[in-house]
Amino acid sequence: MSQKIKLIWDFRGAAAAKTAEHHEIHLKEFIIAENYPLQITGFEILNDLYAIAYLVVEEKDMITFRDILKPHRGTYFE
């Protein structure tokens, strides 16, 4: 079984939650357009001024997605 990577975009400031929520829409559109089999996306509001959007990819695809989408960071997904 292949390891999965969670690509993460960080958003800060008063509009962080709305920005992260909107960014997830674009991530969903991208994986549909690419016909990518994993369709795991989301956003999390961590506090009033900090939120994230994320996309989960297979480890073998991480470099390709990283280079195209330019996430701020990544971590292993469980």
C-alpha atoms as a PDB file:
ATOM      1  CA  MET A   1       0.000   0.000   0.000  1.00  0.00           C
ATOM      2  CA  SER A   2       1.331   3.401  -1.009  1.00  0.00           C
ATOM      3  CA  GLN A   3       1.908   6.160   1.524  1.00  0.00           C
ATOM      4  CA  LYS A   4      -0.277   9.255   1.171  1.00  0.00           C
ATOM      5  CA  ILE A   5       0.914  12.860   1.462  1.00  0.00           C
ATOM      6  CA  LYS A   6      -1.231  15.767   2.646  1.00  0.00           C
ATOM      7  CA  LEU A   7      -0.275  18.919   0.712  1.00  0.00           C
ATOM      8  CA  ILE A   8      -1.154  21.983   2.794  1.00  0.00           C
ATOM      9  CA  TRP A   9      -1.778  25.656   2.051  1.00  0.00           C
ATOM     10  CA  ASP A  10      -1.696  28.048   5.033  1.00  0.00           C
ATOM     11  CA  PHE A  11      -3.895  31.140   5.207  1.00  0.00           C
ATOM     12  CA  ARG A  12      -3.615  33.807   7.876  1.00  0.00           C
ATOM     13  CA  GLY A  13      -5.559  36.913   8.785  1.00  0.00           C
ATOM     14  CA  ALA A  14      -9.188  37.862   9.235  1.00  0.00           C
ATOM     15  CA  ALA A  15     -10.193  36.291   5.902  1.00  0.00           C
ATOM     16  CA  ALA A  16      -8.235  33.050   6.443  1.00  0.00           C
ATOM     17  CA  ALA A  17     -11.278  30.792   6.887  1.00  0.00           C
ATOM     18  CA  LYS A  18     -13.079  32.034   3.781  1.00  0.00           C
ATOM     19  CA  THR A  19      -9.867  31.940   1.740  1.00  0.00           C
ATOM     20  CA  ALA A  20      -9.116  28.335   2.763  1.00  0.00           C
ATOM     21  CA  GLU A  21     -12.696  27.301   2.027  1.00  0.00           C
ATOM     22  CA  HIS A  22     -12.502  28.918  -1.417  1.00  0.00           C
ATOM     23  CA  HIS A  23      -9.088  27.403  -2.130  1.00  0.00           C
ATOM     24  CA  GLU A  24     -10.513  23.935  -1.512  1.00  0.00           C
ATOM     25  CA  ILE A  25     -13.012  24.537  -4.332  1.00  0.00           C
ATOM     26  CA  HIS A  26     -10.113  25.067  -6.739  1.00  0.00           C
ATOM     27  CA  LEU A  27      -8.323  21.965  -5.454  1.00  0.00           C
ATOM     28  CA  LYS A  28     -11.460  19.900  -6.093  1.00  0.00           C
ATOM     29  CA  GLU A  29     -11.780  21.350  -9.597  1.00  0.00           C
ATOM     30  CA  PHE A  30      -8.145  20.509 -10.289  1.00  0.00           C
ATOM     31  CA  ILE A  31      -8.333  16.848  -9.254  1.00  0.00           C
ATOM     32  CA  ILE A  32     -11.545  16.387 -11.246  1.00  0.00           C
ATOM     33  CA  ALA A  33      -9.929  17.961 -14.326  1.00  0.00           C
ATOM     34  CA  GLU A  34      -6.883  15.714 -13.861  1.00  0.00           C
ATOM     35  CA  ASN A  35      -9.119  12.668 -13.283  1.00  0.00           C
ATOM     36  CA  TYR A  36      -7.081  11.883 -10.172  1.00  0.00           C
ATOM     37  CA  PRO A  37      -8.344   8.759  -8.359  1.00  0.00           C
ATOM     38  CA  LEU A  38      -7.832  10.114  -4.819  1.00  0.00           C
ATOM     39  CA  GLN A  39     -10.408  12.783  -4.131  1.00  0.00           C
ATOM     40  CA  ILE A  40      -9.496  13.814  -0.608  1.00  0.00           C
ATOM     41  CA  THR A  41      -9.545  17.569  -0.008  1.00  0.00           C
ATOM     42  CA  GLY A  42     -10.599  19.778   2.837  1.00  0.00           C
ATOM     43  CA  PHE A  43     -10.108  22.884   4.853  1.00  0.00           C
ATOM     44  CA  GLU A  44      -9.726  23.407   8.587  1.00  0.00           C
ATOM     45  CA  ILE A  45     -10.181  26.530  10.635  1.00  0.00           C
ATOM     46  CA  LEU A  46      -7.503  26.361  13.318  1.00  0.00           C
ATOM     47  CA  ASN A  47      -8.336  29.673  15.009  1.00  0.00           C
ATOM     48  CA  ASP A  48      -9.839  33.088  14.171  1.00  0.00           C
ATOM     49  CA  LEU A  49      -6.789  34.110  12.157  1.00  0.00           C
ATOM     50  CA  TYR A  50      -5.424  30.832  10.767  1.00  0.00           C
ATOM     51  CA  ALA A  51      -6.885  28.212   8.440  1.00  0.00           C
ATOM     52  CA  ILE A  52      -5.573  25.615   6.017  1.00  0.00           C
ATOM     53  CA  ALA A  53      -6.716  23.953   2.813  1.00  0.00           C
ATOM     54  CA  TYR A  54      -5.337  20.554   1.844  1.00  0.00           C
ATOM     55  CA  LEU A  55      -5.179  17.915  -0.854  1.00  0.00           C
ATOM     56  CA  VAL A  56      -4.104  14.306  -0.311  1.00  0.00           C
ATOM     57  CA  VAL A  57      -2.021  12.588  -3.006  1.00  0.00           C
ATOM     58  CA  GLU A  58      -0.136   9.329  -3.385  1.00  0.00           C
ATOM     59  CA  GLU A  59       3.529   9.633  -2.434  1.00  0.00           C
ATOM     60  CA  LYS A  60       4.574   8.716  -5.991  1.00  0.00           C
ATOM     61  CA  ASP A  61       2.611  11.739  -7.317  1.00  0.00           C
ATOM     62  CA  MET A  62       3.751  14.233  -4.692  1.00  0.00           C
ATOM     63  CA  ILE A  63       6.535  15.882  -6.732  1.00  0.00           C
ATOM     64  CA  THR A  64       4.249  16.435  -9.725  1.00  0.00           C
ATOM     65  CA  PHE A  65       1.454  17.956  -7.631  1.00  0.00           C
ATOM     66  CA  ARG A  66       3.926  19.994  -5.580  1.00  0.00           C
ATOM     67  CA  ASP A  67       5.485  21.521  -8.678  1.00  0.00           C
ATOM     68  CA  ILE A  68       2.126  22.362 -10.266  1.00  0.00           C
ATOM     69  CA  LEU A  69       0.158  23.542  -7.211  1.00  0.00           C
ATOM     70  CA  LYS A  70       2.949  24.961  -5.004  1.00  0.00           C
ATOM     71  CA  PRO A  71       1.651  24.069  -1.537  1.00  0.00           C
ATOM     72  CA  HIS A  72       3.260  25.731   1.473  1.00  0.00           C
ATOM     73  CA  ARG A  73       4.105  22.430   3.131  1.00  0.00           C
ATOM     74  CA  GLY A  74       3.235  18.764   3.354  1.00  0.00           C
ATOM     75  CA  THR A  75       2.961  15.941   5.836  1.00  0.00           C
ATOM     76  CA  TYR A  76       2.184  12.244   5.808  1.00  0.00           C
ATOM     77  CA  PHE A  77      -1.539  11.471   5.811  1.00  0.00           C
ATOM     78  CA  GLU A  78      -2.905   8.637   7.930  1.00  0.00           C
END
